[in-house]
Amino acid sequence: QVLQHRMVDMVIATEEARSAALHGALMAEDPDPAARSRALSLTKIEIGRTATKVGQEAVQLHGAMGVTAELAIGHYFKRLTAIAASFGDADWHIRRIARIDAAARSAA
């Protein structure tokens, strides 16, 4: 039962990331560059954190076999880790949002 709860948490996190990706895609056409950049950074933070969480949980659920080449989960974990790190990690995007917000406050 504990495993089922963990898998449900992974599904919920994946759905939240999917919603964030949809929001980011919609905001990509926003005429305000600051709002667009902020929304896309928030999207990247959510997707990166979800990729890391789901990947680590999947490996944990599979035990030591989760990191071997014998199971597909090892490949997926590496791919999710690469996705989380590409185009800036969560910390980089958090700093980017802080810069955008600071610029907006100083302009107001």
PDB file of N, CA and C in Angstrom:
ATOM      1  N   GLN A   1       0.820  -1.189   0.000  1.00  0.00           N
ATOM      2  CA  GLN A   1       0.000   0.000   0.000  1.00  0.00           C
ATOM      3  C   GLN A   1       0.869   1.260   0.000  1.00  0.00           C
ATOM      4  N   VAL A   2       1.965   1.230   0.696  1.00  0.00           N
ATOM      5  CA  VAL A   2       2.873   2.373   0.708  1.00  0.00           C
ATOM      6  C   VAL A   2       3.392   2.643  -0.700  1.00  0.00           C
ATOM      7  N   LEU A   3       3.686   1.587  -1.441  1.00  0.00           N
ATOM      8  CA  LEU A   3       4.160   1.754  -2.816  1.00  0.00           C
ATOM      9  C   LEU A   3       3.096   2.411  -3.680  1.00  0.00           C
ATOM     10  N   GLN A   4       1.840   2.035  -3.474  1.00  0.00           N
ATOM     11  CA  GLN A   4       0.760   2.644  -4.246  1.00  0.00           C
ATOM     12  C   GLN A   4       0.660   4.135  -3.959  1.00  0.00           C
ATOM     13  N   HIS A   5       0.802   4.518  -2.703  1.00  0.00           N
ATOM     14  CA  HIS A   5       0.741   5.934  -2.344  1.00  0.00           C
ATOM     15  C   HIS A   5       1.888   6.706  -2.993  1.00  0.00           C
ATOM     16  N   ARG A   6       3.056   6.119  -3.014  1.00  0.00           N
ATOM     17  CA  ARG A   6       4.202   6.786  -3.645  1.00  0.00           C
ATOM     18  C   ARG A   6       3.981   6.939  -5.142  1.00  0.00           C
ATOM     19  N   MET A   7       3.419   5.907  -5.766  1.00  0.00           N
ATOM     20  CA  MET A   7       3.150   5.992  -7.203  1.00  0.00           C
ATOM     21  C   MET A   7       2.069   7.023  -7.507  1.00  0.00           C
ATOM     22  N   VAL A   8       1.077   7.121  -6.648  1.00  0.00           N
ATOM     23  CA  VAL A   8       0.042   8.148  -6.831  1.00  0.00           C
ATOM     24  C   VAL A   8       0.665   9.538  -6.716  1.00  0.00           C
ATOM     25  N   ASP A   9       1.557   9.724  -5.749  1.00  0.00           N
ATOM     26  CA  ASP A   9       2.253  11.006  -5.622  1.00  0.00           C
ATOM     27  C   ASP A   9       3.042  11.331  -6.888  1.00  0.00           C
ATOM     28  N   MET A  10       3.645  10.313  -7.488  1.00  0.00           N
ATOM     29  CA  MET A  10       4.403  10.522  -8.727  1.00  0.00           C
ATOM     30  C   MET A  10       3.474  10.920  -9.878  1.00  0.00           C
ATOM     31  N   VAL A  11       2.315  10.287  -9.951  1.00  0.00           N
ATOM     32  CA  VAL A  11       1.348  10.623 -11.008  1.00  0.00           C
ATOM     33  C   VAL A  11       0.846  12.050 -10.823  1.00  0.00           C
ATOM     34  N   ILE A  12       0.541  12.429  -9.594  1.00  0.00           N
ATOM     35  CA  ILE A  12       0.066  13.786  -9.322  1.00  0.00           C
ATOM     36  C   ILE A  12       1.136  14.804  -9.688  1.00  0.00           C
ATOM     37  N   ALA A  13       2.377  14.546  -9.310  1.00  0.00           N
ATOM     38  CA  ALA A  13       3.472  15.458  -9.651  1.00  0.00           C
ATOM     39  C   ALA A  13       3.627  15.583 -11.161  1.00  0.00           C
ATOM     40  N   THR A  14       3.475  14.477 -11.869  1.00  0.00           N
ATOM     41  CA  THR A  14       3.579  14.497 -13.329  1.00  0.00           C
ATOM     42  C   THR A  14       2.456  15.324 -13.941  1.00  0.00           C
ATOM     43  N   GLU A  15       1.253  15.189 -13.419  1.00  0.00           N
ATOM     44  CA  GLU A  15       0.122  15.981 -13.928  1.00  0.00           C
ATOM     45  C   GLU A  15       0.317  17.466 -13.641  1.00  0.00           C
ATOM     46  N   GLU A  16       0.865  17.795 -12.475  1.00  0.00           N
ATOM     47  CA  GLU A  16       1.151  19.193 -12.156  1.00  0.00           C
ATOM     48  C   GLU A  16       2.195  19.757 -13.113  1.00  0.00           C
ATOM     49  N   ALA A  17       3.213  18.967 -13.424  1.00  0.00           N
ATOM     50  CA  ALA A  17       4.237  19.412 -14.375  1.00  0.00           C
ATOM     51  C   ALA A  17       3.644  19.578 -15.766  1.00  0.00           C
ATOM     52  N   ARG A  18       2.749  18.694 -16.135  1.00  0.00           N
ATOM     53  CA  ARG A  18       2.082  18.809 -17.438  1.00  0.00           C
ATOM     54  C   ARG A  18       1.265  20.103 -17.506  1.00  0.00           C
ATOM     55  N   SER A  19       0.572  20.430 -16.429  1.00  0.00           N
ATOM     56  CA  SER A  19      -0.191  21.680 -16.375  1.00  0.00           C
ATOM     57  C   SER A  19       0.738  22.888 -16.452  1.00  0.00           C
ATOM     58  N   ALA A  20       1.871  22.808 -15.765  1.00  0.00           N
ATOM     59  CA  ALA A  20       2.845  23.899 -15.820  1.00  0.00           C
ATOM     60  C   ALA A  20       3.388  24.060 -17.229  1.00  0.00           C
ATOM     61  N   ALA A  21       3.624  22.958 -17.919  1.00  0.00           N
ATOM     62  CA  ALA A  21       4.118  23.026 -19.295  1.00  0.00           C
ATOM     63  C   ALA A  21       3.086  23.675 -20.210  1.00  0.00           C
ATOM     64  N   LEU A  22       1.826  23.344 -20.014  1.00  0.00           N
ATOM     65  CA  LEU A  22       0.762  23.960 -20.806  1.00  0.00           C
ATOM     66  C   LEU A  22       0.695  25.459 -20.534  1.00  0.00           C
ATOM     67  N   HIS A  23       0.783  25.836 -19.264  1.00  0.00           N
ATOM     68  CA  HIS A  23       0.778  27.258 -18.910  1.00  0.00           C
ATOM     69  C   HIS A  23       1.974  27.972 -19.534  1.00  0.00           C
ATOM     70  N   GLY A  24       3.135  27.354 -19.467  1.00  0.00           N
ATOM     71  CA  GLY A  24       4.323  27.948 -20.080  1.00  0.00           C
ATOM     72  C   GLY A  24       4.169  28.117 -21.576  1.00  0.00           C
ATOM     73  N   ALA A  25       3.574  27.125 -22.224  1.00  0.00           N
ATOM     74  CA  ALA A  25       3.351  27.213 -23.673  1.00  0.00           C
ATOM     75  C   ALA A  25       2.392  28.345 -24.004  1.00  0.00           C
ATOM     76  N   LEU A  26       1.364  28.510 -23.197  1.00  0.00           N
ATOM     77  CA  LEU A  26       0.418  29.601 -23.427  1.00  0.00           C
ATOM     78  C   LEU A  26       1.069  30.961 -23.184  1.00  0.00           C
ATOM     79  N   MET A  27       1.925  31.035 -22.174  1.00  0.00           N
ATOM     80  CA  MET A  27       2.589  32.302 -21.846  1.00  0.00           C
ATOM     81  C   MET A  27       3.721  32.638 -22.815  1.00  0.00           C
ATOM     82  N   ALA A  28       4.139  31.686 -23.616  1.00  0.00           N
ATOM     83  CA  ALA A  28       5.234  31.939 -24.564  1.00  0.00           C
ATOM     84  C   ALA A  28       4.867  33.007 -25.579  1.00  0.00           C
ATOM     85  N   GLU A  29       3.580  33.249 -25.757  1.00  0.00           N
ATOM     86  CA  GLU A  29       3.137  34.267 -26.700  1.00  0.00           C
ATOM     87  C   GLU A  29       2.745  35.570 -26.015  1.00  0.00           C
ATOM     88  N   ASP A  30       2.998  35.690 -24.719  1.00  0.00           N
ATOM     89  CA  ASP A  30       2.668  36.915 -23.995  1.00  0.00           C
ATOM     90  C   ASP A  30       3.496  38.073 -24.554  1.00  0.00           C
ATOM     91  N   PRO A  31       2.865  39.214 -24.839  1.00  0.00           N
ATOM     92  CA  PRO A  31       3.619  40.336 -25.405  1.00  0.00           C
ATOM     93  C   PRO A  31       4.595  40.978 -24.414  1.00  0.00           C
ATOM     94  N   ASP A  32       4.364  40.790 -23.117  1.00  0.00           N
ATOM     95  CA  ASP A  32       5.256  41.355 -22.104  1.00  0.00           C
ATOM     96  C   ASP A  32       6.440  40.415 -21.897  1.00  0.00           C
ATOM     97  N   PRO A  33       7.657  40.861 -22.265  1.00  0.00           N
ATOM     98  CA  PRO A  33       8.812  39.955 -22.149  1.00  0.00           C
ATOM     99  C   PRO A  33       9.108  39.529 -20.712  1.00  0.00           C
ATOM    100  N   ALA A  34       8.864  40.410 -19.742  1.00  0.00           N
ATOM    101  CA  ALA A  34       9.132  40.050 -18.345  1.00  0.00           C
ATOM    102  C   ALA A  34       8.159  38.973 -17.876  1.00  0.00           C
ATOM    103  N   ALA A  35       6.884  39.135 -18.206  1.00  0.00           N
ATOM    104  CA  ALA A  35       5.886  38.131 -17.811  1.00  0.00           C
ATOM    105  C   ALA A  35       6.163  36.807 -18.501  1.00  0.00           C
ATOM    106  N   ARG A  36       6.562  36.877 -19.756  1.00  0.00           N
ATOM    107  CA  ARG A  36       6.874  35.655 -20.514  1.00  0.00           C
ATOM    108  C   ARG A  36       8.077  34.940 -19.904  1.00  0.00           C
ATOM    109  N   SER A  37       9.135  35.680 -19.624  1.00  0.00           N
ATOM    110  CA  SER A  37      10.343  35.079 -19.044  1.00  0.00           C
ATOM    111  C   SER A  37      10.066  34.489 -17.669  1.00  0.00           C
ATOM    112  N   ARG A  38       9.292  35.219 -16.868  1.00  0.00           N
ATOM    113  CA  ARG A  38       8.958  34.741 -15.525  1.00  0.00           C
ATOM    114  C   ARG A  38       8.153  33.442 -15.602  1.00  0.00           C
ATOM    115  N   ALA A  39       7.151  33.417 -16.469  1.00  0.00           N
ATOM    116  CA  ALA A  39       6.308  32.225 -16.602  1.00  0.00           C
ATOM    117  C   ALA A  39       7.111  31.029 -17.106  1.00  0.00           C
ATOM    118  N   LEU A  40       7.998  31.262 -18.055  1.00  0.00           N
ATOM    119  CA  LEU A  40       8.794  30.152 -18.582  1.00  0.00           C
ATOM    120  C   LEU A  40       9.789  29.639 -17.546  1.00  0.00           C
ATOM    121  N   SER A  41      10.337  30.540 -16.735  1.00  0.00           N
ATOM    122  CA  SER A  41      11.228  30.088 -15.665  1.00  0.00           C
ATOM    123  C   SER A  41      10.460  29.277 -14.626  1.00  0.00           C
ATOM    124  N   LEU A  42       9.258  29.729 -14.273  1.00  0.00           N
ATOM    125  CA  LEU A  42       8.438  28.956 -13.334  1.00  0.00           C
ATOM    126  C   LEU A  42       8.120  27.576 -13.898  1.00  0.00           C
ATOM    127  N   THR A  43       7.860  27.521 -15.197  1.00  0.00           N
ATOM    128  CA  THR A  43       7.598  26.238 -15.851  1.00  0.00           C
ATOM    129  C   THR A  43       8.812  25.326 -15.756  1.00  0.00           C
ATOM    130  N   LYS A  44       9.988  25.872 -16.038  1.00  0.00           N
ATOM    131  CA  LYS A  44      11.219  25.073 -15.993  1.00  0.00           C
ATOM    132  C   LYS A  44      11.503  24.582 -14.577  1.00  0.00           C
ATOM    133  N   ILE A  45      11.234  25.419 -13.584  1.00  0.00           N
ATOM    134  CA  ILE A  45      11.435  25.003 -12.194  1.00  0.00           C
ATOM    135  C   ILE A  45      10.538  23.811 -11.870  1.00  0.00           C
ATOM    136  N   GLU A  46       9.269  23.919 -12.219  1.00  0.00           N
ATOM    137  CA  GLU A  46       8.311  22.844 -11.915  1.00  0.00           C
ATOM    138  C   GLU A  46       8.679  21.554 -12.639  1.00  0.00           C
ATOM    139  N   ILE A  47       9.006  21.663 -13.915  1.00  0.00           N
ATOM    140  CA  ILE A  47       9.343  20.463 -14.686  1.00  0.00           C
ATOM    141  C   ILE A  47      10.639  19.837 -14.175  1.00  0.00           C
ATOM    142  N   GLY A  48      11.631  20.660 -13.879  1.00  0.00           N
ATOM    143  CA  GLY A  48      12.897  20.138 -13.374  1.00  0.00           C
ATOM    144  C   GLY A  48      12.749  19.438 -12.037  1.00  0.00           C
ATOM    145  N   ARG A  49      12.003  20.062 -11.141  1.00  0.00           N
ATOM    146  CA  ARG A  49      11.801  19.455  -9.820  1.00  0.00           C
ATOM    147  C   ARG A  49      10.993  18.164  -9.923  1.00  0.00           C
ATOM    148  N   THR A  50       9.991  18.174 -10.796  1.00  0.00           N
ATOM    149  CA  THR A  50       9.184  16.966 -10.972  1.00  0.00           C
ATOM    150  C   THR A  50      10.010  15.850 -11.594  1.00  0.00           C
ATOM    151  N   ALA A  51      10.821  16.180 -12.587  1.00  0.00           N
ATOM    152  CA  ALA A  51      11.663  15.165 -13.226  1.00  0.00           C
ATOM    153  C   ALA A  51      12.596  14.528 -12.203  1.00  0.00           C
ATOM    154  N   THR A  52      13.192  15.357 -11.361  1.00  0.00           N
ATOM    155  CA  THR A  52      14.094  14.842 -10.334  1.00  0.00           C
ATOM    156  C   THR A  52      13.336  13.965  -9.339  1.00  0.00           C
ATOM    157  N   LYS A  53      12.194  14.456  -8.872  1.00  0.00           N
ATOM    158  CA  LYS A  53      11.411  13.711  -7.875  1.00  0.00           C
ATOM    159  C   LYS A  53      10.925  12.374  -8.429  1.00  0.00           C
ATOM    160  N   VAL A  54      10.326  12.402  -9.599  1.00  0.00           N
ATOM    161  CA  VAL A  54       9.771  11.175 -10.178  1.00  0.00           C
ATOM    162  C   VAL A  54      10.888  10.189 -10.519  1.00  0.00           C
ATOM    163  N   GLY A  55      11.984  10.687 -11.065  1.00  0.00           N
ATOM    164  CA  GLY A  55      13.108   9.813 -11.396  1.00  0.00           C
ATOM    165  C   GLY A  55      13.688   9.130 -10.173  1.00  0.00           C
ATOM    166  N   GLN A  56      13.909   9.912  -9.118  1.00  0.00           N
ATOM    167  CA  GLN A  56      14.467   9.335  -7.895  1.00  0.00           C
ATOM    168  C   GLN A  56      13.504   8.350  -7.241  1.00  0.00           C
ATOM    169  N   GLU A  57      12.228   8.687  -7.232  1.00  0.00           N
ATOM    170  CA  GLU A  57      11.239   7.772  -6.655  1.00  0.00           C
ATOM    171  C   GLU A  57      11.160   6.473  -7.453  1.00  0.00           C
ATOM    172  N   ALA A  58      11.216   6.578  -8.772  1.00  0.00           N
ATOM    173  CA  ALA A  58      11.143   5.373  -9.610  1.00  0.00           C
ATOM    174  C   ALA A  58      12.337   4.459  -9.356  1.00  0.00           C
ATOM    175  N   VAL A  59      13.516   5.049  -9.251  1.00  0.00           N
ATOM    176  CA  VAL A  59      14.704   4.248  -8.952  1.00  0.00           C
ATOM    177  C   VAL A  59      14.557   3.601  -7.580  1.00  0.00           C
ATOM    178  N   GLN A  60      14.063   4.361  -6.616  1.00  0.00           N
ATOM    179  CA  GLN A  60      13.879   3.827  -5.264  1.00  0.00           C
ATOM    180  C   GLN A  60      12.876   2.672  -5.262  1.00  0.00           C
ATOM    181  N   LEU A  61      11.797   2.813  -6.015  1.00  0.00           N
ATOM    182  CA  LEU A  61      10.789   1.750  -6.065  1.00  0.00           C
ATOM    183  C   LEU A  61      11.337   0.469  -6.687  1.00  0.00           C
ATOM    184  N   HIS A  62      12.285   0.615  -7.605  1.00  0.00           N
ATOM    185  CA  HIS A  62      12.866  -0.553  -8.266  1.00  0.00           C
ATOM    186  C   HIS A  62      14.079  -1.107  -7.521  1.00  0.00           C
ATOM    187  N   GLY A  63      14.468  -0.464  -6.455  1.00  0.00           N
ATOM    188  CA  GLY A  63      15.628  -0.918  -5.704  1.00  0.00           C
ATOM    189  C   GLY A  63      16.900  -0.727  -6.509  1.00  0.00           C
ATOM    190  N   ALA A  64      17.901  -1.503  -6.228  1.00  0.00           N
ATOM    191  CA  ALA A  64      19.186  -1.367  -6.916  1.00  0.00           C
ATOM    192  C   ALA A  64      19.068  -1.622  -8.411  1.00  0.00           C
ATOM    193  N   MET A  65      18.049  -2.352  -8.829  1.00  0.00           N
ATOM    194  CA  MET A  65      17.866  -2.627 -10.257  1.00  0.00           C
ATOM    195  C   MET A  65      17.517  -1.357 -11.027  1.00  0.00           C
ATOM    196  N   GLY A  66      17.063  -0.320 -10.329  1.00  0.00           N
ATOM    197  CA  GLY A  66      16.654   0.911 -10.991  1.00  0.00           C
ATOM    198  C   GLY A  66      17.771   1.686 -11.643  1.00  0.00           C
ATOM    199  N   VAL A  67      19.011   1.375 -11.309  1.00  0.00           N
ATOM    200  CA  VAL A  67      20.135   2.101 -11.907  1.00  0.00           C
ATOM    201  C   VAL A  67      20.954   1.234 -12.854  1.00  0.00           C
ATOM    202  N   THR A  68      20.501   0.043 -13.121  1.00  0.00           N
ATOM    203  CA  THR A  68      21.240  -0.832 -14.029  1.00  0.00           C
ATOM    204  C   THR A  68      20.771  -0.624 -15.460  1.00  0.00           C
ATOM    205  N   ALA A  69      21.571  -1.104 -16.395  1.00  0.00           N
ATOM    206  CA  ALA A  69      21.210  -1.015 -17.811  1.00  0.00           C
ATOM    207  C   ALA A  69      20.177  -2.074 -18.191  1.00  0.00           C
ATOM    208  N   GLU A  70      19.917  -2.999 -17.284  1.00  0.00           N
ATOM    209  CA  GLU A  70      18.977  -4.084 -17.578  1.00  0.00           C
ATOM    210  C   GLU A  70      17.523  -3.620 -17.613  1.00  0.00           C
ATOM    211  N   LEU A  71      17.223  -2.558 -16.891  1.00  0.00           N
ATOM    212  CA  LEU A  71      15.858  -2.037 -16.864  1.00  0.00           C
ATOM    213  C   LEU A  71      15.803  -0.672 -17.545  1.00  0.00           C
ATOM    214  N   ALA A  72      14.694  -0.396 -18.173  1.00  0.00           N
ATOM    215  CA  ALA A  72      14.525   0.891 -18.860  1.00  0.00           C
ATOM    216  C   ALA A  72      14.538   2.059 -17.881  1.00  0.00           C
ATOM    217  N   ILE A  73      14.187   1.811 -16.635  1.00  0.00           N
ATOM    218  CA  ILE A  73      14.115   2.891 -15.661  1.00  0.00           C
ATOM    219  C   ILE A  73      15.457   3.591 -15.488  1.00  0.00           C
ATOM    220  N   GLY A  74      16.555   2.854 -15.612  1.00  0.00           N
ATOM    221  CA  GLY A  74      17.879   3.470 -15.522  1.00  0.00           C
ATOM    222  C   GLY A  74      18.092   4.492 -16.623  1.00  0.00           C
ATOM    223  N   HIS A  75      17.671   4.157 -17.835  1.00  0.00           N
ATOM    224  CA  HIS A  75      17.766   5.097 -18.958  1.00  0.00           C
ATOM    225  C   HIS A  75      16.871   6.302 -18.715  1.00  0.00           C
ATOM    226  N   TYR A  76      15.633   6.063 -18.268  1.00  0.00           N
ATOM    227  CA  TYR A  76      14.701   7.161 -18.024  1.00  0.00           C
ATOM    228  C   TYR A  76      15.206   8.081 -16.920  1.00  0.00           C
ATOM    229  N   PHE A  77      15.805   7.490 -15.890  1.00  0.00           N
ATOM    230  CA  PHE A  77      16.342   8.308 -14.800  1.00  0.00           C
ATOM    231  C   PHE A  77      17.444   9.229 -15.315  1.00  0.00           C
ATOM    232  N   LYS A  78      18.331   8.696 -16.141  1.00  0.00           N
ATOM    233  CA  LYS A  78      19.396   9.532 -16.709  1.00  0.00           C
ATOM    234  C   LYS A  78      18.809  10.637 -17.574  1.00  0.00           C
ATOM    235  N   ARG A  79      17.798  10.302 -18.346  1.00  0.00           N
ATOM    236  CA  ARG A  79      17.152  11.287 -19.222  1.00  0.00           C
ATOM    237  C   ARG A  79      16.466  12.379 -18.401  1.00  0.00           C
ATOM    238  N   LEU A  80      15.755  11.995 -17.347  1.00  0.00           N
ATOM    239  CA  LEU A  80      15.097  12.977 -16.491  1.00  0.00           C
ATOM    240  C   LEU A  80      16.106  13.871 -15.789  1.00  0.00           C
ATOM    241  N   THR A  81      17.234  13.299 -15.386  1.00  0.00           N
ATOM    242  CA  THR A  81      18.285  14.093 -14.758  1.00  0.00           C
ATOM    243  C   THR A  81      18.845  15.112 -15.744  1.00  0.00           C
ATOM    244  N   ALA A  82      19.031  14.707 -16.989  1.00  0.00           N
ATOM    245  CA  ALA A  82      19.517  15.627 -18.021  1.00  0.00           C
ATOM    246  C   ALA A  82      18.500  16.729 -18.293  1.00  0.00           C
ATOM    247  N   ILE A  83      17.225  16.379 -18.323  1.00  0.00           N
ATOM    248  CA  ILE A  83      16.178  17.378 -18.548  1.00  0.00           C
ATOM    249  C   ILE A  83      16.171  18.397 -17.411  1.00  0.00           C
ATOM    250  N   ALA A  84      16.309  17.924 -16.184  1.00  0.00           N
ATOM    251  CA  ALA A  84      16.300  18.822 -15.027  1.00  0.00           C
ATOM    252  C   ALA A  84      17.470  19.799 -15.067  1.00  0.00           C
ATOM    253  N   ALA A  85      18.588  19.379 -15.638  1.00  0.00           N
ATOM    254  CA  ALA A  85      19.782  20.225 -15.658  1.00  0.00           C
ATOM    255  C   ALA A  85      19.882  21.101 -16.905  1.00  0.00           C
ATOM    256  N   SER A  86      19.194  20.743 -17.965  1.00  0.00           N
ATOM    257  CA  SER A  86      19.352  21.494 -19.213  1.00  0.00           C
ATOM    258  C   SER A  86      18.642  22.845 -19.143  1.00  0.00           C
ATOM    259  N   PHE A  87      19.210  23.808 -19.819  1.00  0.00           N
ATOM    260  CA  PHE A  87      18.698  25.184 -19.881  1.00  0.00           C
ATOM    261  C   PHE A  87      18.613  25.842 -18.511  1.00  0.00           C
ATOM    262  N   GLY A  88      19.489  25.474 -17.618  1.00  0.00           N
ATOM    263  CA  GLY A  88      19.521  26.052 -16.284  1.00  0.00           C
ATOM    264  C   GLY A  88      18.746  25.206 -15.292  1.00  0.00           C
ATOM    265  N   ASP A  89      19.341  25.003 -14.127  1.00  0.00           N
ATOM    266  CA  ASP A  89      18.646  24.225 -13.099  1.00  0.00           C
ATOM    267  C   ASP A  89      17.664  25.128 -12.346  1.00  0.00           C
ATOM    268  N   ALA A  90      16.984  24.569 -11.368  1.00  0.00           N
ATOM    269  CA  ALA A  90      15.962  25.321 -10.631  1.00  0.00           C
ATOM    270  C   ALA A  90      16.559  26.542  -9.939  1.00  0.00           C
ATOM    271  N   ASP A  91      17.746  26.407  -9.358  1.00  0.00           N
ATOM    272  CA  ASP A  91      18.371  27.542  -8.673  1.00  0.00           C
ATOM    273  C   ASP A  91      18.630  28.699  -9.632  1.00  0.00           C
ATOM    274  N   TRP A  92      19.091  28.400 -10.836  1.00  0.00           N
ATOM    275  CA  TRP A  92      19.349  29.442 -11.829  1.00  0.00           C
ATOM    276  C   TRP A  92      18.053  30.173 -12.175  1.00  0.00           C
ATOM    277  N   HIS A  93      16.972  29.421 -12.353  1.00  0.00           N
ATOM    278  CA  HIS A  93      15.695  30.039 -12.716  1.00  0.00           C
ATOM    279  C   HIS A  93      15.088  30.814 -11.546  1.00  0.00           C
ATOM    280  N   ILE A  94      15.314  30.372 -10.329  1.00  0.00           N
ATOM    281  CA  ILE A  94      14.853  31.136  -9.166  1.00  0.00           C
ATOM    282  C   ILE A  94      15.569  32.480  -9.120  1.00  0.00           C
ATOM    283  N   ARG A  95      16.871  32.485  -9.354  1.00  0.00           N
ATOM    284  CA  ARG A  95      17.615  33.748  -9.394  1.00  0.00           C
ATOM    285  C   ARG A  95      17.131  34.627 -10.549  1.00  0.00           C
ATOM    286  N   ARG A  96      16.803  34.001 -11.671  1.00  0.00           N
ATOM    287  CA  ARG A  96      16.301  34.752 -12.826  1.00  0.00           C
ATOM    288  C   ARG A  96      14.975  35.436 -12.483  1.00  0.00           C
ATOM    289  N   ILE A  97      14.092  34.723 -11.820  1.00  0.00           N
ATOM    290  CA  ILE A  97      12.810  35.307 -11.417  1.00  0.00           C
ATOM    291  C   ILE A  97      13.038  36.456 -10.437  1.00  0.00           C
ATOM    292  N   ALA A  98      13.974  36.287  -9.516  1.00  0.00           N
ATOM    293  CA  ALA A  98      14.284  37.360  -8.568  1.00  0.00           C
ATOM    294  C   ALA A  98      14.777  38.605  -9.305  1.00  0.00           C
ATOM    295  N   ARG A  99      15.616  38.418 -10.332  1.00  0.00           N
ATOM    296  CA  ARG A  99      16.094  39.569 -11.117  1.00  0.00           C
ATOM    297  C   ARG A  99      14.941  40.238 -11.861  1.00  0.00           C
ATOM    298  N   ILE A 100      14.053  39.443 -12.440  1.00  0.00           N
ATOM    299  CA  ILE A 100      12.902  39.990 -13.167  1.00  0.00           C
ATOM    300  C   ILE A 100      12.013  40.781 -12.213  1.00  0.00           C
ATOM    301  N   ASP A 101      11.741  40.225 -11.039  1.00  0.00           N
ATOM    302  CA  ASP A 101      10.892  40.908 -10.062  1.00  0.00           C
ATOM    303  C   ASP A 101      11.552  42.185  -9.546  1.00  0.00           C
ATOM    304  N   ALA A 102      12.869  42.140  -9.316  1.00  0.00           N
ATOM    305  CA  ALA A 102      13.582  43.332  -8.853  1.00  0.00           C
ATOM    306  C   ALA A 102      13.544  44.428  -9.913  1.00  0.00           C
ATOM    307  N   ALA A 103      13.705  44.052 -11.166  1.00  0.00           N
ATOM    308  CA  ALA A 103      13.646  45.036 -12.253  1.00  0.00           C
ATOM    309  C   ALA A 103      12.250  45.635 -12.360  1.00  0.00           C
ATOM    310  N   ALA A 104      11.227  44.816 -12.161  1.00  0.00           N
ATOM    311  CA  ALA A 104       9.847  45.316 -12.228  1.00  0.00           C
ATOM    312  C   ALA A 104       9.554  46.273 -11.077  1.00  0.00           C
ATOM    313  N   ARG A 105      10.077  45.970  -9.880  1.00  0.00           N
ATOM    314  CA  ARG A 105       9.866  46.858  -8.730  1.00  0.00           C
ATOM    315  C   ARG A 105      10.593  48.180  -8.912  1.00  0.00           C
ATOM    316  N   SER A 106      11.803  48.136  -9.443  1.00  0.00           N
ATOM    317  CA  SER A 106      12.566  49.377  -9.621  1.00  0.00           C
ATOM    318  C   SER A 106      11.990  50.232 -10.745  1.00  0.00           C
ATOM    319  N   ALA A 107      11.325  49.606 -11.706  1.00  0.00           N
ATOM    320  CA  ALA A 107      10.713  50.355 -12.806  1.00  0.00           C
ATOM    321  C   ALA A 107       9.399  51.005 -12.369  1.00  0.00           C
ATOM    322  N   ALA A 108       8.791  50.455 -11.322  1.00  0.00           N
ATOM    323  CA  ALA A 108       7.479  50.979 -10.886  1.00  0.00           C
ATOM    324  C   ALA A 108       7.598  52.186  -9.997  1.00  0.00           C
TER     325      ALA A 108
END
